[in-house]
């Protein structure tokens, strides 16, 4: 899961910089500490789903867009990818899992649309 947190942090940092926000201004608008934003951007802290919603809203992007990573350097096997997904939802609130599942559906639909446009 560490890899996905780093990739998520990179995407958040990219979008923050694209919005021309410092970490301080961004933290203020999201309602978090600058230290916490730094942890998220470095992939050291996994934000709660509600926090991701606030981050996305502040950056004027959809939540799923924060998970549209560049193609990775290492290719996961399907079994490994499923294991990583299952581990990421273990011990989570069922409402959060449902929310994450609905986000995944949106991501997959968007990816399908993007691929069909190419």
C-alpha atoms as a PDB file:
ATOM      1  CA  UNK A   1       0.000   0.000   0.000  1.00  0.00           C
ATOM      2  CA  UNK A   2       2.995   2.270   0.497  1.00  0.00           C
ATOM      3  CA  UNK A   3       3.408   2.667  -3.264  1.00  0.00           C
ATOM      4  CA  UNK A   4      -0.182   3.822  -3.757  1.00  0.00           C
ATOM      5  CA  UNK A   5       0.170   6.350  -0.921  1.00  0.00           C
ATOM      6  CA  UNK A   6       3.296   7.802  -2.523  1.00  0.00           C
ATOM      7  CA  UNK A   7       1.592   7.978  -5.906  1.00  0.00           C
ATOM      8  CA  UNK A   8      -1.486   9.605  -4.364  1.00  0.00           C
ATOM      9  CA  UNK A   9       0.731  12.114  -2.573  1.00  0.00           C
ATOM     10  CA  UNK A  10       2.498  12.963  -5.822  1.00  0.00           C
ATOM     11  CA  UNK A  11      -0.848  13.526  -7.570  1.00  0.00           C
ATOM     12  CA  UNK A  12      -2.110  15.770  -4.761  1.00  0.00           C
ATOM     13  CA  UNK A  13       1.134  17.779  -4.854  1.00  0.00           C
ATOM     14  CA  UNK A  14       0.876  18.096  -8.656  1.00  0.00           C
ATOM     15  CA  UNK A  15      -2.699  19.366  -8.450  1.00  0.00           C
ATOM     16  CA  UNK A  16      -1.854  21.720  -5.572  1.00  0.00           C
ATOM     17  CA  UNK A  17       1.021  23.229  -7.535  1.00  0.00           C
ATOM     18  CA  UNK A  18      -1.141  23.438 -10.656  1.00  0.00           C
ATOM     19  CA  UNK A  19      -3.626  25.427  -8.543  1.00  0.00           C
ATOM     20  CA  UNK A  20      -0.686  27.643  -7.464  1.00  0.00           C
ATOM     21  CA  UNK A  21      -1.253  26.958  -3.781  1.00  0.00           C
ATOM     22  CA  UNK A  22       1.479  26.756  -1.175  1.00  0.00           C
ATOM     23  CA  UNK A  23       1.203  23.952   1.358  1.00  0.00           C
ATOM     24  CA  UNK A  24       0.263  26.583   3.941  1.00  0.00           C
ATOM     25  CA  UNK A  25      -2.569  28.084   1.887  1.00  0.00           C
ATOM     26  CA  UNK A  26      -3.752  24.633   0.786  1.00  0.00           C
ATOM     27  CA  UNK A  27      -3.771  23.342   4.383  1.00  0.00           C
ATOM     28  CA  UNK A  28      -5.751  26.384   5.472  1.00  0.00           C
ATOM     29  CA  UNK A  29      -8.371  25.894   2.737  1.00  0.00           C
ATOM     30  CA  UNK A  30      -8.707  22.152   3.393  1.00  0.00           C
ATOM     31  CA  UNK A  31      -8.799  22.656   7.154  1.00  0.00           C
ATOM     32  CA  UNK A  32      -5.720  20.555   7.958  1.00  0.00           C
ATOM     33  CA  UNK A  33      -2.306  21.264   9.404  1.00  0.00           C
ATOM     34  CA  UNK A  34       0.621  21.969   7.116  1.00  0.00           C
ATOM     35  CA  UNK A  35       2.440  18.992   8.678  1.00  0.00           C
ATOM     36  CA  UNK A  36      -0.445  16.656   7.828  1.00  0.00           C
ATOM     37  CA  UNK A  37      -0.523  17.904   4.221  1.00  0.00           C
ATOM     38  CA  UNK A  38       3.228  17.256   4.046  1.00  0.00           C
ATOM     39  CA  UNK A  39       2.752  13.705   5.330  1.00  0.00           C
ATOM     40  CA  UNK A  40       0.051  13.054   2.736  1.00  0.00           C
ATOM     41  CA  UNK A  41       2.115  14.491  -0.113  1.00  0.00           C
ATOM     42  CA  UNK A  42       5.129  12.375   0.887  1.00  0.00           C
ATOM     43  CA  UNK A  43       2.996   9.231   1.076  1.00  0.00           C
ATOM     44  CA  UNK A  44       3.556   8.829   4.811  1.00  0.00           C
ATOM     45  CA  UNK A  45      -0.090   9.256   5.809  1.00  0.00           C
ATOM     46  CA  UNK A  46      -3.272   7.838   4.289  1.00  0.00           C
ATOM     47  CA  UNK A  47      -6.022  10.470   4.318  1.00  0.00           C
ATOM     48  CA  UNK A  48      -9.557   9.535   5.305  1.00  0.00           C
ATOM     49  CA  UNK A  49     -12.089   9.462   2.469  1.00  0.00           C
ATOM     50  CA  UNK A  50     -13.846  12.561   3.762  1.00  0.00           C
ATOM     51  CA  UNK A  51     -10.469  14.318   3.799  1.00  0.00           C
ATOM     52  CA  UNK A  52      -9.889  13.240   0.188  1.00  0.00           C
ATOM     53  CA  UNK A  53     -13.245  14.775  -0.709  1.00  0.00           C
ATOM     54  CA  UNK A  54     -12.196  18.095   0.878  1.00  0.00           C
ATOM     55  CA  UNK A  55      -8.810  17.944  -0.857  1.00  0.00           C
ATOM     56  CA  UNK A  56     -10.430  17.272  -4.244  1.00  0.00           C
ATOM     57  CA  UNK A  57     -12.990  20.037  -3.742  1.00  0.00           C
ATOM     58  CA  UNK A  58     -10.260  22.508  -2.791  1.00  0.00           C
ATOM     59  CA  UNK A  59      -8.271  21.519  -5.891  1.00  0.00           C
ATOM     60  CA  UNK A  60     -11.407  21.655  -8.067  1.00  0.00           C
ATOM     61  CA  UNK A  61     -11.014  18.056  -9.244  1.00  0.00           C
ATOM     62  CA  UNK A  62     -13.036  14.894  -8.787  1.00  0.00           C
ATOM     63  CA  UNK A  63     -11.761  12.456  -6.145  1.00  0.00           C
ATOM     64  CA  UNK A  64     -11.106   9.755  -8.735  1.00  0.00           C
ATOM     65  CA  UNK A  65      -8.775  12.111 -10.620  1.00  0.00           C
ATOM     66  CA  UNK A  66      -6.367  11.970  -7.699  1.00  0.00           C
ATOM     67  CA  UNK A  67      -5.958   8.263  -8.465  1.00  0.00           C
ATOM     68  CA  UNK A  68      -5.196   8.652 -12.170  1.00  0.00           C
ATOM     69  CA  UNK A  69      -1.523   7.864 -11.877  1.00  0.00           C
ATOM     70  CA  UNK A  70       1.021   7.758 -14.660  1.00  0.00           C
ATOM     71  CA  UNK A  71       1.717   4.236 -15.758  1.00  0.00           C
ATOM     72  CA  UNK A  72       3.838   2.655 -13.045  1.00  0.00           C
ATOM     73  CA  UNK A  73       7.303   1.352 -13.487  1.00  0.00           C
ATOM     74  CA  UNK A  74       6.432  -2.097 -12.204  1.00  0.00           C
ATOM     75  CA  UNK A  75       3.532  -4.125 -13.464  1.00  0.00           C
ATOM     76  CA  UNK A  76       1.364  -5.828 -10.860  1.00  0.00           C
ATOM     77  CA  UNK A  77      -0.103  -9.227 -11.454  1.00  0.00           C
ATOM     78  CA  UNK A  78      -3.886  -9.380 -11.089  1.00  0.00           C
ATOM     79  CA  UNK A  79      -3.663 -11.439  -7.893  1.00  0.00           C
ATOM     80  CA  UNK A  80      -1.235  -8.967  -6.329  1.00  0.00           C
ATOM     81  CA  UNK A  81      -3.427  -6.033  -7.311  1.00  0.00           C
ATOM     82  CA  UNK A  82      -6.514  -7.669  -5.778  1.00  0.00           C
ATOM     83  CA  UNK A  83      -4.571  -8.464  -2.605  1.00  0.00           C
ATOM     84  CA  UNK A  84      -3.459  -4.817  -2.358  1.00  0.00           C
ATOM     85  CA  UNK A  85      -7.057  -3.674  -2.832  1.00  0.00           C
ATOM     86  CA  UNK A  86      -8.399  -6.046  -0.172  1.00  0.00           C
ATOM     87  CA  UNK A  87      -5.692  -5.017   2.304  1.00  0.00           C
ATOM     88  CA  UNK A  88      -6.515  -1.354   1.753  1.00  0.00           C
ATOM     89  CA  UNK A  89     -10.137  -1.825   2.887  1.00  0.00           C
ATOM     90  CA  UNK A  90      -9.504  -4.228   5.750  1.00  0.00           C
ATOM     91  CA  UNK A  91     -10.763  -2.888   9.085  1.00  0.00           C
ATOM     92  CA  UNK A  92     -12.497   0.052   7.418  1.00  0.00           C
ATOM     93  CA  UNK A  93     -16.000   1.243   8.103  1.00  0.00           C
ATOM     94  CA  UNK A  94     -18.511  -0.420   5.710  1.00  0.00           C
ATOM     95  CA  UNK A  95     -19.769   3.007   4.624  1.00  0.00           C
ATOM     96  CA  UNK A  96     -16.216   3.989   3.647  1.00  0.00           C
ATOM     97  CA  UNK A  97     -15.843   0.725   1.709  1.00  0.00           C
ATOM     98  CA  UNK A  98     -19.088   1.391  -0.192  1.00  0.00           C
ATOM     99  CA  UNK A  99     -17.905   4.917  -0.939  1.00  0.00           C
ATOM    100  CA  UNK A 100     -14.533   3.598  -2.172  1.00  0.00           C
ATOM    101  CA  UNK A 101     -16.292   1.005  -4.344  1.00  0.00           C
ATOM    102  CA  UNK A 102     -18.432   3.686  -5.958  1.00  0.00           C
ATOM    103  CA  UNK A 103     -15.289   5.752  -6.606  1.00  0.00           C
ATOM    104  CA  UNK A 104     -13.599   2.745  -8.207  1.00  0.00           C
ATOM    105  CA  UNK A 105     -16.581   2.242 -10.500  1.00  0.00           C
ATOM    106  CA  UNK A 106     -16.334   5.885 -11.580  1.00  0.00           C
ATOM    107  CA  UNK A 107     -12.595   5.566 -12.136  1.00  0.00           C
ATOM    108  CA  UNK A 108     -13.002   2.422 -14.247  1.00  0.00           C
ATOM    109  CA  UNK A 109     -15.747   4.053 -16.320  1.00  0.00           C
ATOM    110  CA  UNK A 110     -13.615   7.159 -16.860  1.00  0.00           C
ATOM    111  CA  UNK A 111     -10.575   5.088 -17.838  1.00  0.00           C
ATOM    112  CA  UNK A 112     -12.746   3.116 -20.253  1.00  0.00           C
ATOM    113  CA  UNK A 113     -13.994   6.374 -21.794  1.00  0.00           C
ATOM    114  CA  UNK A 114     -10.469   7.806 -22.071  1.00  0.00           C
ATOM    115  CA  UNK A 115      -9.158   4.629 -23.700  1.00  0.00           C
ATOM    116  CA  UNK A 116     -12.024   4.530 -26.196  1.00  0.00           C
ATOM    117  CA  UNK A 117     -11.309   8.171 -27.185  1.00  0.00           C
ATOM    118  CA  UNK A 118      -7.719   7.338 -28.174  1.00  0.00           C
END
